Structures are given as structure tokens and as C-alpha cells.
Amino acid sequence: MNYKDLADAVFPNAKPIEYYEEKYPERDLPEGAIVTRFAPSPTGFVHIGGLMQCVIVRQITRQTNGVFILRIEDTDQKREIEDGVNQIVNAIHDFGIEFDEGMLNETDEKGNYGPYKQSERAEIYQAYAKYLIEQGKAYPCFATQEELEEMRQKQEAAKIRPGYYGVWAKYRNLPVDEAIEKIKNGEHYIVRFKSMGNEEKKIRHHDVIKGNIDFPENDQDIVIIKADGLPTYHFAHAVDDHLMRVTHVIRSDEWVSSIPLHLELFRVLGFKTPKYCHYAPILKDDDGKKRKISKRKDPEAAVSYYHEEGIPAQAVCEYLMNIGNSNFELWRKANPNADISEFKFEINKMSVSGAVFDIVKLLDVSKNVISKYSKERLYDEVYDWAKRYDAELTDLLERDKEYALKVLGIERENVKPRKDISKWSDVKHAIIYMFDDKFFNDKIEYDYGKITDKAESEKIVKLYVEKYFDISDDKQTWFNKIKDLAEEVGYAREVKDYKANPEKWPGHVGDISTVIRVKLTGRQNTPDMYEIMQVLGKDSVIKRLNK
């Protein structure tokens, strides 16, 4: 008996690998086109690191006319959660990222290189595992849990490297006829890769991001097909990346240690090795110590956090792009209105050390992004968010859409737009005083700033209503009248005059406008007061000033 007989005993129905090589031909793409994949497991929420990978990969494949694949790695079915694929697809879609190929939901997919769920590709992996057995490069392993545990204990006692390798690989050199007899007798087995590596030898690998790295060779006889007939991650990824014609594997550097194994698998299978690009993970500053951002410790690790807070998808993507390529920020300053797709992302400029996640920086990015939105876009995005998370804000936006648009349009779409909103959860506080029922029901503790005498502040407001207020004034006329009012009540007409001779006046025109602003809105800091008055209208302004 020979290895082919053994292979037939293990996988009697597997097709020859030539069938799949022909079924999944080389892609007809332009030179330099990058084909890569996002390959999550449907075992929980999408991590911010996964979203960063998608943002980067989408940019790279788009600018090279390549292909971006969503492949679901669901071979560990014990950890799989219900509706896991839909959660992945929807989470990424919410950030405006579309895949060229792969899963669309739990059951549907697009593309000619599927199935795109690993659990549906069992026959493919078995064909390639059979091929390795035929070559004498894989074998059925009949080790029981008790045998494996005994081996582990002996290795621990001897203080040597754990694993199934070399002299510890009990079934590695089992004669073919004995192995076939065990299979015929119904003994349980898995299929292991027969490594030809030597841990004492070194290999050098060039990573696109990290540069040259030296590793010891792999010598572990890893499991490639489990007892349930499904592959392990390492074997599946090699077969899938080959048949899907992946050119670049772009992933977090937690996988760097797997490189020797992956290189050996590709070589033994006769596959062309893709270029590996291992980027540093997103870090968190934890009391002065840097650590990887954690699903367990950090709410911002889940992409759902950004939706709940109402941070626009565009802002999150821009922030992640900046983490990915440090020159993005300079590009954005030079091209403030350009679409993010115009930025040329360079893989070899990705950080080797890892960037610390900075929520303050993210919110600054978000303020800039939101400041460029039209009032219509702002309304639509805030309304969509409010319907999910804030019933009171939903009511404010629905009761009179045209009025709400005017409110959101204050200091928007001009040379220096307002930047007081960093997330949709800020919006209600930013606009609620513009609705009369909310304003008059609010028990406001008026703080007029520098003018603390109540009688004086009331006198200023009364005089303004009786003598200076006219809703039809243009902005310059309105402001000149505020100066006239300041002068009439004994305050400096110009701030610069007051600063030159502060002993000459009790205050300046800014202190007068603050009194009116507070009476009108209940706040010292608001967007442009003239625009606020124009939106409120004459009746509301007078009613508020007379409150």
C-alpha cells in the first residue's frame, strides 16, 4: 500500500485539486491590482481594528482597481453567534464600505470565487488535504485526548517546547497499512500536516510594512482537518487565499508569529505566496501604559459604540485613515473639501509601532467633518440617529421640518462654519433652546457674565426692545444698533477702545450683547445671535426678551 491508498481511505470522495484550479482561474485584472480580503469570524461584534482594516483595504483596492472580498471564517462553529454574518455585514455597511465580492447576508453572496463561507467549502479543503496525504506531506493522526494530555505533561516536566512535532508526533510515521486498518476499524482521527521544518534553522521573510524579519522554521505538525471534516484556520486561509487569487494579506501583527507556518503551507501546496502586510494594532493609554484596545475593557472597541454616540461614519473613517497613514492629516489640510477616496494610501507607510486611540482627536475630526455638512444632510443623519436613540430629539425634528432645517442651518455653509457639534448626541443640547415650548419650560438661572446687577441687565434688555429691535434689519444695521445701545447706557462702543482705556467704561459692547444673548437663549455661548433672531422670528424674540 502507498500514500495514494491512504489518501483514498481518508477522503474517498474528494475531487482532484485540478478541478478547483480550473474552476477558480487567475483573475483578469490590471497590472498592480491588489486582491485582498476581510475575513472575520461570526463570533461577536466587529472590532474597531477590523473596521480600520476595512477602511484601509477599501482604499487600496479602489485605487489599484483591485478586489475587496468579505470571507466568513466560520469553521469554529461552537463559538458562532446567531445572525453573526448579518451583524458583520451591517456593521461595515454602516460606515459606507462596500465589498466587491463575498457574503451579502447570512445566505446570499456575490462573486465567482465562492462559496465565501468556509463552512461551505469543506470539500475543497478535503481535496487539498488529500493531495498532501498523497504526497506524504499530511497524515491521519489517531492520538486520543489522553495521549495528548500525557504528552503535554511530559513536555512541561522536561521544560521543553510544547506541541506535536518531531519525536512527540506519535502517529507521524505510522505505516500506511496500519493507518488504513485503523480507519477501516472506525477509529477517530484528524488530519495533520507533516512539517519538514527544523526549529533550529532560520528563515528570513520580507513583510511589506515591517520589513525583513527572521523566524525559526516551523516544525509543528498542526491539525489541518478536524474530526468534523472542517479545516483549521491556518490550512483554510492558505487554500482560500490561493483559490480566491489573493495578492496581499493585510492584517494585524498578532498574526506575525504564524508566518513560518503559513509560508511552509504555501510552499508545500505549490501555491504562490501572497505579500504579507502586518500593521500594528490600535493601542489604548491605560494610566500611562500602552496596551491593545480591548473588547472586554473599552466600549470604543466595538464599532457599535460610534453609532450609539452618533459620531458620523465619515469622521470615524477619516480618523482611522489618519491612524493608517500619518500623512493623511496633512493631505486633508491641503485638500479640505476633497473626497477621502482621492487620498493615495501607501501600505509601506503604515505604523510599525501602533497608534494610541485618542477620542479627543476623533471628536475634533468629527467637528470638522460635520461643519462641512449642508443643513439637509445634517438633518437626515441626525434624524436617522434620533429615531434609534432619542425620542425627544426625534419630536423636535419632526414637528416642523422646515423650521428644524433653519435651526440646523445657523452658521452653516459659510466661510467659517460653526464647529460646536462633534456627534449627533450633542445636537439636542445645541438646538433645544430654539424651540419655544422647551425654552419657556426650562428653569433658567440667568448669568449675564460681567454685568451682575439685575436691574441694569433688565434696563438694557428693555431699552433694546423699545428702541433698537427691528427684525427686518440687515446684519450690519443690527450690529450698529447694539453699539448704539452700548454707548447709550455708558459702555464702550468698541472692544478695542475698552481694552485701551478700561478705567473709562464699566464694560464694552460685547458685555451688552451677552445680556441680550442670555435673555434670548439662556446661554452665554451660542452661534451667531443675529441668525438666531432671524430663525426665531419677531414674536418669539420679543416674548423671550420680555420673559
Protein backbone atom coordinates (compact mmCIF):
# COMPACT_ATOMS: atom_id res chain seq x y z
CA MET A 1 0.00 0.00 0.00
CA ASN A 2 1.14 3.57 -0.66
CA TYR A 3 0.21 7.16 0.21
CA LYS A 4 -2.44 7.28 -2.53
CA ASP A 5 -4.22 4.32 -0.93
CA LEU A 6 -4.09 6.12 2.40
CA ALA A 7 -5.45 9.30 0.83
CA ASP A 8 -8.32 7.36 -0.76
CA ALA A 9 -9.13 5.79 2.61
CA VAL A 10 -9.25 9.19 4.33
CA PHE A 11 -11.07 11.13 1.58
CA PRO A 12 -12.64 8.60 -0.83
CA ASN A 13 -14.93 11.14 -2.49
CA ALA A 14 -12.63 14.17 -2.77
CA LYS A 15 -12.13 15.63 -6.25
CA PRO A 16 -8.64 16.10 -7.69
CA ILE A 17 -7.24 19.56 -6.98
CA GLU A 18 -7.04 20.24 -10.74
CA TYR A 19 -10.83 20.58 -10.69
CA TYR A 20 -10.63 23.58 -8.35
CA GLU A 21 -7.59 25.10 -10.05
CA GLU A 22 -9.64 25.22 -13.25
CA LYS A 23 -12.83 26.37 -11.51
CA TYR A 24 -11.08 29.34 -9.89
CA PRO A 25 -8.70 30.70 -12.55
CA GLU A 26 -6.33 33.63 -12.26
CA ARG A 27 -8.21 36.93 -12.27
CA ASP A 28 -8.15 39.16 -15.31
CA LEU A 29 -7.12 42.41 -13.61
CA PRO A 30 -4.86 45.36 -14.47
CA GLU A 31 -1.20 45.08 -13.52
CA GLY A 32 -0.67 46.12 -9.90
CA ALA A 33 -4.28 45.43 -8.89
CA ILE A 34 -4.49 44.30 -5.28
CA VAL A 35 -6.83 41.48 -4.30
CA THR A 36 -7.34 41.10 -0.58
CA ARG A 37 -9.93 40.13 1.98
CA PHE A 38 -11.56 40.95 5.27
CA ALA A 39 -12.05 37.56 6.90
CA PRO A 40 -13.79 37.83 10.29
CA SER A 41 -15.36 35.07 12.34
CA PRO A 42 -19.10 35.47 13.15
CA THR A 43 -18.40 35.20 16.87
CA GLY A 44 -19.23 38.69 18.17
CA PHE A 45 -19.24 42.40 17.42
CA VAL A 46 -16.98 44.00 14.82
CA HIS A 47 -13.87 45.43 16.48
CA ILE A 48 -12.56 48.91 15.68
CA GLY A 49 -9.37 47.24 14.43
CA GLY A 50 -11.44 45.26 11.94
CA LEU A 51 -13.10 48.45 10.75
CA MET A 52 -9.69 50.09 10.33
CA GLN A 53 -8.61 47.13 8.20
CA CYS A 54 -11.72 47.58 6.03
CA VAL A 55 -11.17 51.33 5.64
CA ILE A 56 -7.57 50.78 4.57
CA VAL A 57 -8.27 47.81 2.30
CA ARG A 58 -11.19 49.53 0.59
CA GLN A 59 -8.92 52.48 -0.20
CA ILE A 60 -6.10 50.31 -1.52
CA THR A 61 -8.23 48.08 -3.74
CA ARG A 62 -10.15 51.04 -5.11
CA GLN A 63 -7.02 52.96 -6.10
CA THR A 64 -5.45 49.89 -7.79
CA ASN A 65 -8.67 48.68 -9.49
CA GLY A 66 -8.43 45.56 -7.37
CA VAL A 67 -10.91 43.38 -5.49
CA PHE A 68 -12.05 43.54 -1.85
CA ILE A 69 -13.55 40.28 -0.56
CA LEU A 70 -15.66 39.57 2.52
CA ARG A 71 -14.89 35.99 3.52
CA ILE A 72 -16.50 34.49 6.62
CA GLU A 73 -14.23 32.20 8.61
CA ASP A 74 -16.80 30.12 10.47
CA THR A 75 -15.03 26.80 10.94
CA ASP A 76 -15.13 27.16 14.74
CA GLN A 77 -18.88 26.67 14.88
CA LYS A 78 -19.03 26.27 18.66
CA ARG A 79 -18.22 29.97 19.06
CA GLU A 80 -20.52 31.20 16.29
CA ILE A 81 -23.34 33.52 17.35
CA GLU A 82 -26.82 33.74 15.86
CA ASP A 83 -27.11 36.23 12.99
CA GLY A 84 -23.33 36.73 13.17
CA VAL A 85 -22.80 37.26 9.44
CA ASN A 86 -25.56 39.87 9.21
CA GLN A 87 -24.03 41.72 12.15
CA ILE A 88 -20.68 41.87 10.35
CA VAL A 89 -22.16 42.93 7.01
CA ASN A 90 -24.42 45.59 8.54
CA ALA A 91 -21.73 46.98 10.85
CA ILE A 92 -19.31 47.55 7.96
CA HIS A 93 -22.06 48.78 5.61
CA ASP A 94 -23.00 51.42 8.21
CA PHE A 95 -19.60 53.02 7.58
CA GLY A 96 -20.20 53.29 3.86
CA ILE A 97 -17.91 50.39 2.95
CA GLU A 98 -18.99 48.01 0.22
CA PHE A 99 -17.32 44.73 -0.70
CA ASP A 100 -16.66 43.70 -4.31
CA GLU A 101 -17.23 40.02 -3.53
CA GLY A 102 -18.38 37.88 -0.67
CA MET A 103 -21.28 37.49 1.72
CA LEU A 104 -24.23 39.87 1.46
CA ASN A 105 -26.10 38.39 4.43
CA GLU A 106 -26.41 35.01 6.17
CA THR A 107 -27.17 33.12 2.95
CA ASP A 108 -26.58 35.30 -0.14
CA GLU A 109 -23.27 36.17 -1.73
CA LYS A 110 -21.82 37.76 -4.87
CA GLY A 111 -18.74 36.84 -6.88
CA ASN A 112 -17.33 33.91 -8.86
CA TYR A 113 -14.84 32.63 -6.30
CA GLY A 114 -17.22 31.40 -3.60
CA PRO A 115 -18.61 29.92 -1.52
CA TYR A 116 -17.43 32.76 0.71
CA LYS A 117 -18.27 30.93 3.95
CA GLN A 118 -15.57 28.49 4.97
CA SER A 119 -18.12 26.06 6.42
CA GLU A 120 -19.49 25.63 2.88
CA ARG A 121 -16.07 24.87 1.37
CA ALA A 122 -15.34 21.59 3.23
CA GLU A 123 -15.00 19.54 0.04
CA ILE A 124 -12.41 21.99 -1.30
CA TYR A 125 -10.21 21.74 1.80
CA GLN A 126 -10.54 17.96 1.81
CA ALA A 127 -9.35 17.82 -1.80
CA TYR A 128 -6.18 19.72 -0.93
CA ALA A 129 -5.67 17.73 2.28
CA LYS A 130 -5.98 14.54 0.22
CA TYR A 131 -3.38 15.92 -2.19
CA LEU A 132 -0.97 16.45 0.72
CA ILE A 133 -1.55 12.91 2.01
CA GLU A 134 -0.81 11.58 -1.49
CA GLN A 135 2.48 13.48 -1.39
CA GLY A 136 3.35 12.11 2.04
CA LYS A 137 3.05 15.62 3.49
CA ALA A 138 -0.03 15.04 5.68
CA TYR A 139 -1.32 12.06 7.63
CA PRO A 140 -4.23 10.85 9.75
CA CYS A 141 -3.49 11.21 13.47
CA PHE A 142 -5.26 8.89 15.89
CA ALA A 143 -3.99 10.50 19.11
CA THR A 144 -6.60 10.48 21.88
CA GLN A 145 -7.14 13.33 24.33
CA GLU A 146 -5.47 11.21 26.98
CA GLU A 147 -2.39 10.68 24.80
CA LEU A 148 -2.16 14.39 24.01
CA GLU A 149 -2.51 15.31 27.69
CA GLU A 150 0.20 12.80 28.67
CA MET A 151 2.49 14.28 26.01
CA ARG A 152 1.85 17.81 27.27
CA GLN A 153 2.64 16.84 30.86
CA LYS A 154 5.91 15.17 29.83
CA GLN A 155 6.93 18.27 27.86
CA GLU A 156 6.15 20.52 30.82
CA ALA A 157 8.08 18.28 33.20
CA ALA A 158 11.07 18.28 30.87
CA LYS A 159 10.67 22.07 30.37
CA ILE A 160 10.73 21.79 26.63
CA ARG A 161 8.73 23.45 23.92
CA PRO A 162 5.11 22.20 23.82
CA GLY A 163 3.46 20.90 20.68
CA TYR A 164 3.06 17.97 18.31
CA TYR A 165 6.37 17.74 16.49
CA GLY A 166 9.42 15.54 15.93
CA VAL A 167 9.66 12.62 18.35
CA TRP A 168 6.44 13.77 20.02
CA ALA A 169 4.46 13.23 16.81
CA LYS A 170 3.44 9.67 17.68
CA TYR A 171 1.43 8.89 14.52
CA ARG A 172 3.60 10.83 12.06
CA ASN A 173 5.38 7.75 10.75
CA LEU A 174 2.67 5.15 11.28
CA PRO A 175 2.89 2.60 8.44
CA VAL A 176 0.30 3.18 5.74
CA ASP A 177 -1.32 -0.25 6.11
CA GLU A 178 -1.74 0.24 9.88
CA ALA A 179 -3.30 3.67 9.35
CA ILE A 180 -5.73 2.26 6.76
CA GLU A 181 -6.65 -0.59 9.12
CA LYS A 182 -7.43 1.87 11.91
CA ILE A 183 -9.65 3.88 9.55
CA LYS A 184 -11.50 0.70 8.49
CA ASN A 185 -12.00 -0.16 12.19
CA GLY A 186 -13.74 3.18 12.71
CA GLU A 187 -11.10 4.76 14.96
CA HIS A 188 -11.44 8.54 15.31
CA TYR A 189 -8.76 10.67 13.70
CA ILE A 190 -7.90 14.11 12.46
CA VAL A 191 -5.53 15.07 9.63
CA ARG A 192 -2.19 16.70 10.44
CA PHE A 193 0.31 18.50 8.27
CA LYS A 194 3.71 16.76 8.19
CA SER A 195 6.17 19.59 8.67
CA MET A 196 9.66 19.27 7.22
CA GLY A 197 10.90 22.30 9.17
CA ASN A 198 13.65 22.47 11.74
CA GLU A 199 13.21 24.88 14.63
CA GLU A 200 17.00 25.25 14.84
CA LYS A 201 17.11 26.80 11.35
CA LYS A 202 16.16 30.37 10.47
CA ILE A 203 14.17 31.80 7.60
CA ARG A 204 14.01 35.44 6.53
CA HIS A 205 10.71 36.94 5.42
CA HIS A 206 10.02 40.38 3.98
CA ASP A 207 6.87 41.98 5.35
CA VAL A 208 5.59 44.94 3.33
CA ILE A 209 5.13 47.02 6.49
CA LYS A 210 7.62 45.60 8.98
CA GLY A 211 10.46 44.90 6.56
CA ASN A 212 12.75 41.88 6.90
CA ILE A 213 12.02 39.57 9.84
CA ASP A 214 13.93 36.45 10.86
CA PHE A 215 12.00 33.45 12.20
CA PRO A 216 12.80 29.89 13.26
CA GLU A 217 11.36 27.41 10.77
CA ASN A 218 8.02 25.82 11.60
CA ASP A 219 8.28 22.22 12.77
CA GLN A 220 4.81 21.75 14.24
CA ASP A 221 2.56 19.09 12.74
CA ILE A 222 -0.55 21.23 13.01
CA VAL A 223 -4.08 19.93 12.55
CA ILE A 224 -5.36 20.84 9.09
CA ILE A 225 -8.69 18.93 9.05
CA LYS A 226 -10.62 18.46 12.29
CA ALA A 227 -12.75 15.47 13.26
CA ASP A 228 -15.87 17.24 11.96
CA GLY A 229 -14.35 17.45 8.48
CA LEU A 230 -13.79 21.21 8.64
CA PRO A 231 -10.34 22.79 8.40
CA THR A 232 -8.39 24.77 10.95
CA TYR A 233 -7.81 28.45 10.26
CA HIS A 234 -4.22 28.04 9.09
CA PHE A 235 -4.98 25.48 6.39
CA ALA A 236 -8.23 27.11 5.26
CA HIS A 237 -6.65 30.52 4.84
CA ALA A 238 -3.89 29.11 2.62
CA VAL A 239 -6.32 27.27 0.35
CA ASP A 240 -8.79 30.17 0.21
CA ASP A 241 -6.20 32.87 -0.43
CA HIS A 242 -4.78 30.77 -3.27
CA LEU A 243 -8.09 29.93 -4.94
CA MET A 244 -9.51 33.43 -4.48
CA ARG A 245 -6.26 34.70 -6.01
CA VAL A 246 -5.44 36.99 -3.09
CA THR A 247 -2.31 39.06 -3.76
CA HIS A 248 -1.93 40.75 -0.36
CA VAL A 249 -2.83 39.63 3.15
CA ILE A 250 -3.32 42.79 5.21
CA ARG A 251 -3.87 42.03 8.86
CA SER A 252 -2.96 42.90 12.45
CA ASP A 253 0.52 41.98 13.64
CA GLU A 254 -0.85 39.46 16.15
CA TRP A 255 -0.55 37.03 13.21
CA VAL A 256 3.16 37.66 12.60
CA SER A 257 4.20 34.61 14.60
CA SER A 258 2.20 32.40 12.20
CA ILE A 259 4.30 33.44 9.20
CA PRO A 260 6.72 30.44 9.25
CA LEU A 261 3.78 28.02 9.26
CA HIS A 262 1.92 29.88 6.54
CA LEU A 263 4.98 30.13 4.32
CA GLU A 264 5.58 26.40 4.67
CA LEU A 265 1.96 25.59 3.85
CA PHE A 266 2.04 27.69 0.70
CA ARG A 267 5.32 26.17 -0.40
CA VAL A 268 4.28 22.56 0.19
CA LEU A 269 0.91 23.10 -1.53
CA GLY A 270 2.71 24.59 -4.53
CA PHE A 271 0.94 27.96 -4.17
CA LYS A 272 2.34 31.39 -4.91
CA THR A 273 2.72 33.17 -1.55
CA PRO A 274 0.79 36.43 -1.20
CA LYS A 275 2.52 39.52 0.14
CA TYR A 276 2.00 39.80 3.89
CA CYS A 277 1.36 43.22 5.42
CA HIS A 278 1.19 43.21 9.21
CA TYR A 279 0.16 46.52 10.75
CA ALA A 280 0.35 47.47 14.41
CA PRO A 281 -2.90 47.26 16.40
CA ILE A 282 -4.73 50.27 17.82
CA LEU A 283 -3.48 50.98 21.34
CA LYS A 284 -5.07 52.47 24.45
CA ASP A 285 -3.35 54.63 27.05
CA ASP A 286 -4.15 53.00 30.38
CA ASP A 287 -2.74 55.15 33.20
CA GLY A 288 0.41 55.86 31.25
CA LYS A 289 0.82 52.33 29.96
CA LYS A 290 0.04 51.39 26.37
CA ARG A 291 -1.96 48.26 25.65
CA LYS A 292 -4.06 46.93 22.80
CA ILE A 293 -7.59 48.31 22.76
CA SER A 294 -9.73 45.61 24.34
CA LYS A 295 -13.18 44.23 23.59
CA ARG A 296 -13.57 43.47 27.28
CA LYS A 297 -12.33 46.77 28.78
CA ASP A 298 -13.05 49.51 26.24
CA PRO A 299 -16.53 50.40 24.93
CA GLU A 300 -14.94 52.18 21.96
CA ALA A 301 -13.50 48.85 20.80
CA ALA A 302 -16.92 47.96 19.33
CA VAL A 303 -17.93 49.81 16.17
CA SER A 304 -21.49 49.95 17.54
CA TYR A 305 -20.20 52.49 20.10
CA TYR A 306 -19.76 55.12 17.38
CA HIS A 307 -23.32 54.69 16.15
CA GLU A 308 -24.71 54.91 19.66
CA GLU A 309 -22.75 58.10 20.36
CA GLY A 310 -23.70 59.45 16.96
CA ILE A 311 -20.20 60.01 15.62
CA PRO A 312 -20.62 60.18 11.84
CA ALA A 313 -19.27 57.26 9.85
CA GLN A 314 -17.27 59.66 7.67
CA ALA A 315 -15.49 61.08 10.73
CA VAL A 316 -14.60 57.63 12.07
CA CYS A 317 -13.25 56.59 8.67
CA GLU A 318 -11.16 59.77 8.37
CA TYR A 319 -9.73 59.27 11.84
CA LEU A 320 -8.83 55.64 11.07
CA MET A 321 -7.27 56.69 7.79
CA ASN A 322 -5.07 59.10 9.75
CA ILE A 323 -4.01 56.25 12.05
CA GLY A 324 -3.26 54.16 8.97
CA ASN A 325 -1.15 56.76 7.13
CA SER A 326 0.22 59.66 9.18
CA ASN A 327 0.43 61.88 6.08
CA PHE A 328 -3.36 61.78 5.69
CA GLU A 329 -3.79 64.71 8.10
CA LEU A 330 -1.52 66.95 6.01
CA TRP A 331 -3.33 65.85 2.86
CA ARG A 332 -6.69 66.70 4.41
CA LYS A 333 -5.48 70.20 5.40
CA ALA A 334 -4.27 70.78 1.85
CA ASN A 335 -7.49 69.31 0.39
CA PRO A 336 -10.24 70.25 2.88
CA ASN A 337 -13.12 69.55 0.52
CA ALA A 338 -11.77 66.54 -1.37
CA ASP A 339 -13.43 63.15 -1.12
CA ILE A 340 -11.46 60.72 1.04
CA SER A 341 -11.19 58.37 -1.96
CA GLU A 342 -8.79 60.83 -3.60
CA PHE A 343 -6.13 60.21 -0.94
CA LYS A 344 -3.38 57.83 -2.11
CA PHE A 345 -2.91 55.30 0.67
CA GLU A 346 0.52 53.67 0.89
CA ILE A 347 0.82 50.34 2.69
CA ASN A 348 4.51 50.76 3.42
CA LYS A 349 3.78 53.97 5.34
CA MET A 350 1.66 52.21 7.92
CA SER A 351 2.88 52.41 11.51
CA VAL A 352 5.14 49.68 12.86
CA SER A 353 4.70 50.73 16.49
CA GLY A 354 0.95 51.35 16.69
CA ALA A 355 -1.12 54.49 17.29
CA VAL A 356 -2.85 55.32 20.57
CA PHE A 357 -6.60 55.74 20.20
CA ASP A 358 -7.47 59.37 21.00
CA ILE A 359 -11.18 60.10 21.45
CA VAL A 360 -10.47 63.85 21.72
CA LYS A 361 -8.72 63.79 18.36
CA LEU A 362 -11.56 61.76 16.86
CA LEU A 363 -14.13 64.31 18.06
CA ASP A 364 -12.03 67.16 16.61
CA VAL A 365 -12.03 65.35 13.27
CA SER A 366 -15.76 64.85 13.65
CA LYS A 367 -16.38 68.57 14.31
CA ASN A 368 -14.58 69.43 11.08
CA VAL A 369 -16.47 66.80 9.11
CA ILE A 370 -19.87 67.90 10.46
CA SER A 371 -19.08 71.59 9.87
CA LYS A 372 -18.97 70.87 6.11
CA TYR A 373 -22.41 69.22 6.02
CA SER A 374 -25.32 71.02 4.43
CA LYS A 375 -28.30 71.56 6.70
CA GLU A 376 -30.21 68.96 4.69
CA ARG A 377 -27.56 66.29 5.14
CA LEU A 378 -27.20 67.19 8.80
CA TYR A 379 -30.96 66.89 9.29
CA ASP A 380 -31.10 63.49 7.59
CA GLU A 381 -28.22 61.99 9.57
CA VAL A 382 -29.33 63.40 12.91
CA TYR A 383 -32.91 62.28 12.29
CA ASP A 384 -31.82 58.73 11.42
CA TRP A 385 -29.78 58.59 14.62
CA ALA A 386 -32.52 60.16 16.78
CA LYS A 387 -35.11 57.62 15.61
CA ARG A 388 -32.96 54.91 17.17
CA TYR A 389 -31.66 56.67 20.26
CA ASP A 390 -33.53 59.88 21.24
CA ALA A 391 -37.33 60.25 21.12
CA GLU A 392 -37.31 63.87 22.31
CA LEU A 393 -34.91 64.94 19.56
CA THR A 394 -36.99 62.99 17.02
CA ASP A 395 -40.03 65.04 18.07
CA LEU A 396 -38.17 68.35 17.68
CA LEU A 397 -37.10 67.40 14.17
CA GLU A 398 -40.48 66.04 13.07
CA ARG A 399 -42.85 68.70 14.36
CA ASP A 400 -41.79 71.28 11.73
CA LYS A 401 -39.09 70.09 9.37
CA GLU A 402 -38.65 73.46 7.66
CA TYR A 403 -38.10 75.19 10.99
CA ALA A 404 -35.70 72.46 12.11
CA LEU A 405 -33.74 72.93 8.88
CA LYS A 406 -33.45 76.66 9.59
CA VAL A 407 -32.22 75.93 13.11
CA LEU A 408 -29.62 73.45 11.86
CA GLY A 409 -28.63 75.88 9.11
CA ILE A 410 -27.47 78.62 11.51
CA GLU A 411 -23.83 79.45 10.74
CA ARG A 412 -23.62 76.63 8.22
CA GLU A 413 -22.38 76.64 4.61
CA ASN A 414 -20.30 79.81 5.02
CA VAL A 415 -16.58 80.59 5.09
CA LYS A 416 -16.23 79.84 8.81
CA PRO A 417 -18.98 77.35 9.68
CA ARG A 418 -19.86 76.55 13.29
CA LYS A 419 -17.95 73.71 14.94
CA ASP A 420 -19.91 73.14 18.13
CA ILE A 421 -21.26 69.70 17.17
CA SER A 422 -18.94 66.68 17.32
CA LYS A 423 -21.58 63.93 17.43
CA TRP A 424 -25.32 63.54 17.00
CA SER A 425 -25.80 63.12 20.74
CA ASP A 426 -24.66 66.79 21.03
CA VAL A 427 -27.40 68.09 18.78
CA LYS A 428 -30.33 68.20 21.19
CA HIS A 429 -28.44 70.33 23.68
CA ALA A 430 -27.17 72.53 20.85
CA ILE A 431 -30.64 73.36 19.48
CA ILE A 432 -33.26 72.74 22.17
CA TYR A 433 -33.43 76.39 23.29
CA MET A 434 -34.61 77.28 19.77
CA PHE A 435 -37.99 75.66 20.48
CA ASP A 436 -40.27 77.96 22.49
CA ASP A 437 -42.04 75.26 24.49
CA LYS A 438 -38.71 73.84 25.67
CA PHE A 439 -37.24 77.27 26.32
CA PHE A 440 -40.13 78.60 28.40
CA ASN A 441 -40.46 75.38 30.40
CA ASP A 442 -36.79 75.47 31.30
CA LYS A 443 -35.96 76.99 34.68
CA ILE A 444 -33.06 79.14 33.54
CA GLU A 445 -30.59 80.56 36.03
CA TYR A 446 -29.64 83.70 34.12
CA ASP A 447 -25.94 84.51 34.21
CA TYR A 448 -25.23 87.69 32.28
CA GLY A 449 -21.48 87.44 32.61
CA LYS A 450 -19.77 90.69 33.58
CA ILE A 451 -23.00 92.62 34.21
CA THR A 452 -24.15 91.19 37.53
CA ASP A 453 -26.63 93.85 38.57
CA LYS A 454 -30.11 92.52 37.76
CA ALA A 455 -31.70 95.97 37.43
CA GLU A 456 -29.02 97.07 34.98
CA SER A 457 -29.42 93.98 32.82
CA GLU A 458 -33.21 94.40 32.74
CA LYS A 459 -32.78 98.05 31.81
CA ILE A 460 -30.51 97.07 28.88
CA VAL A 461 -32.98 94.49 27.57
CA LYS A 462 -35.98 96.83 27.98
CA LEU A 463 -34.23 99.65 26.13
CA TYR A 464 -33.20 97.30 23.32
CA VAL A 465 -36.78 96.06 22.81
CA GLU A 466 -38.33 99.53 22.92
CA LYS A 467 -35.80 101.48 20.88
CA TYR A 468 -33.43 99.30 18.87
CA PHE A 469 -35.00 95.98 17.95
CA ASP A 470 -36.25 95.58 14.38
CA ILE A 471 -36.42 92.05 12.92
CA SER A 472 -36.11 93.45 9.38
CA ASP A 473 -32.64 94.98 9.98
CA ASP A 474 -29.77 93.57 7.99
CA LYS A 475 -26.85 92.20 9.99
CA GLN A 476 -24.64 95.30 9.87
CA THR A 477 -27.51 97.60 10.83
CA TRP A 478 -28.41 95.27 13.70
CA PHE A 479 -24.85 95.26 14.99
CA ASN A 480 -24.54 99.04 14.72
CA LYS A 481 -27.67 99.34 16.86
CA ILE A 482 -26.12 97.11 19.53
CA LYS A 483 -23.17 99.53 19.54
CA ASP A 484 -25.58 102.46 19.81
CA LEU A 485 -27.26 100.74 22.75
CA ALA A 486 -23.91 100.17 24.46
CA GLU A 487 -22.99 103.79 24.01
CA GLU A 488 -26.36 104.98 25.34
CA VAL A 489 -26.03 103.00 28.59
CA GLY A 490 -22.44 104.16 29.11
CA TYR A 491 -20.42 101.23 27.76
CA ALA A 492 -17.59 101.29 25.21
CA ARG A 493 -18.86 101.13 21.68
CA GLU A 494 -15.77 99.20 20.53
CA VAL A 495 -13.96 96.39 22.37
CA LYS A 496 -10.58 97.77 21.31
CA ASP A 497 -11.42 101.16 22.86
CA TYR A 498 -12.30 99.47 26.14
CA LYS A 499 -9.08 97.47 26.17
CA ALA A 500 -7.08 100.66 25.57
CA ASN A 501 -8.80 102.52 28.46
CA PRO A 502 -10.63 100.00 30.69
CA GLU A 503 -10.99 102.54 33.51
CA LYS A 504 -13.13 104.78 31.28
CA TRP A 505 -16.12 102.41 30.96
CA PRO A 506 -17.79 99.72 33.09
CA GLY A 507 -17.65 97.35 30.07
CA HIS A 508 -17.96 97.17 26.31
CA VAL A 509 -20.39 96.28 23.52
CA GLY A 510 -19.64 92.55 23.97
CA ASP A 511 -20.98 92.68 27.53
CA ILE A 512 -24.18 94.32 26.26
CA SER A 513 -24.68 91.69 23.56
CA THR A 514 -24.09 88.96 26.18
CA VAL A 515 -27.02 90.25 28.23
CA ILE A 516 -29.31 90.10 25.20
CA ARG A 517 -27.95 86.70 24.17
CA VAL A 518 -28.56 85.20 27.62
CA LYS A 519 -32.06 86.65 27.79
CA LEU A 520 -32.78 85.27 24.34
CA THR A 521 -31.29 81.79 24.70
CA GLY A 522 -30.46 81.19 28.36
CA ARG A 523 -26.78 80.78 27.38
CA GLN A 524 -23.68 82.93 27.13
CA ASN A 525 -22.22 80.92 24.25
CA THR A 526 -24.30 80.29 21.14
CA PRO A 527 -23.90 80.56 17.38
CA ASP A 528 -24.45 83.92 15.70
CA MET A 529 -27.12 85.87 17.59
CA TYR A 530 -28.39 87.73 14.54
CA GLU A 531 -29.06 84.43 12.73
CA ILE A 532 -30.75 83.04 15.84
CA MET A 533 -33.12 86.02 15.90
CA GLN A 534 -33.92 85.64 12.22
CA VAL A 535 -34.85 81.98 12.72
CA LEU A 536 -36.86 82.59 15.91
CA GLY A 537 -38.86 85.41 14.31
CA LYS A 538 -40.15 88.68 15.76
CA ASP A 539 -42.85 87.30 18.07
CA SER A 540 -40.62 84.72 19.71
CA VAL A 541 -37.75 87.20 20.17
CA ILE A 542 -39.95 89.79 21.87
CA LYS A 543 -41.63 87.17 24.03
CA ARG A 544 -38.25 85.87 25.19
CA LEU A 545 -36.77 89.30 25.85
CA ASN A 546 -39.85 90.22 27.89
CA LYS A 547 -39.77 86.96 29.88
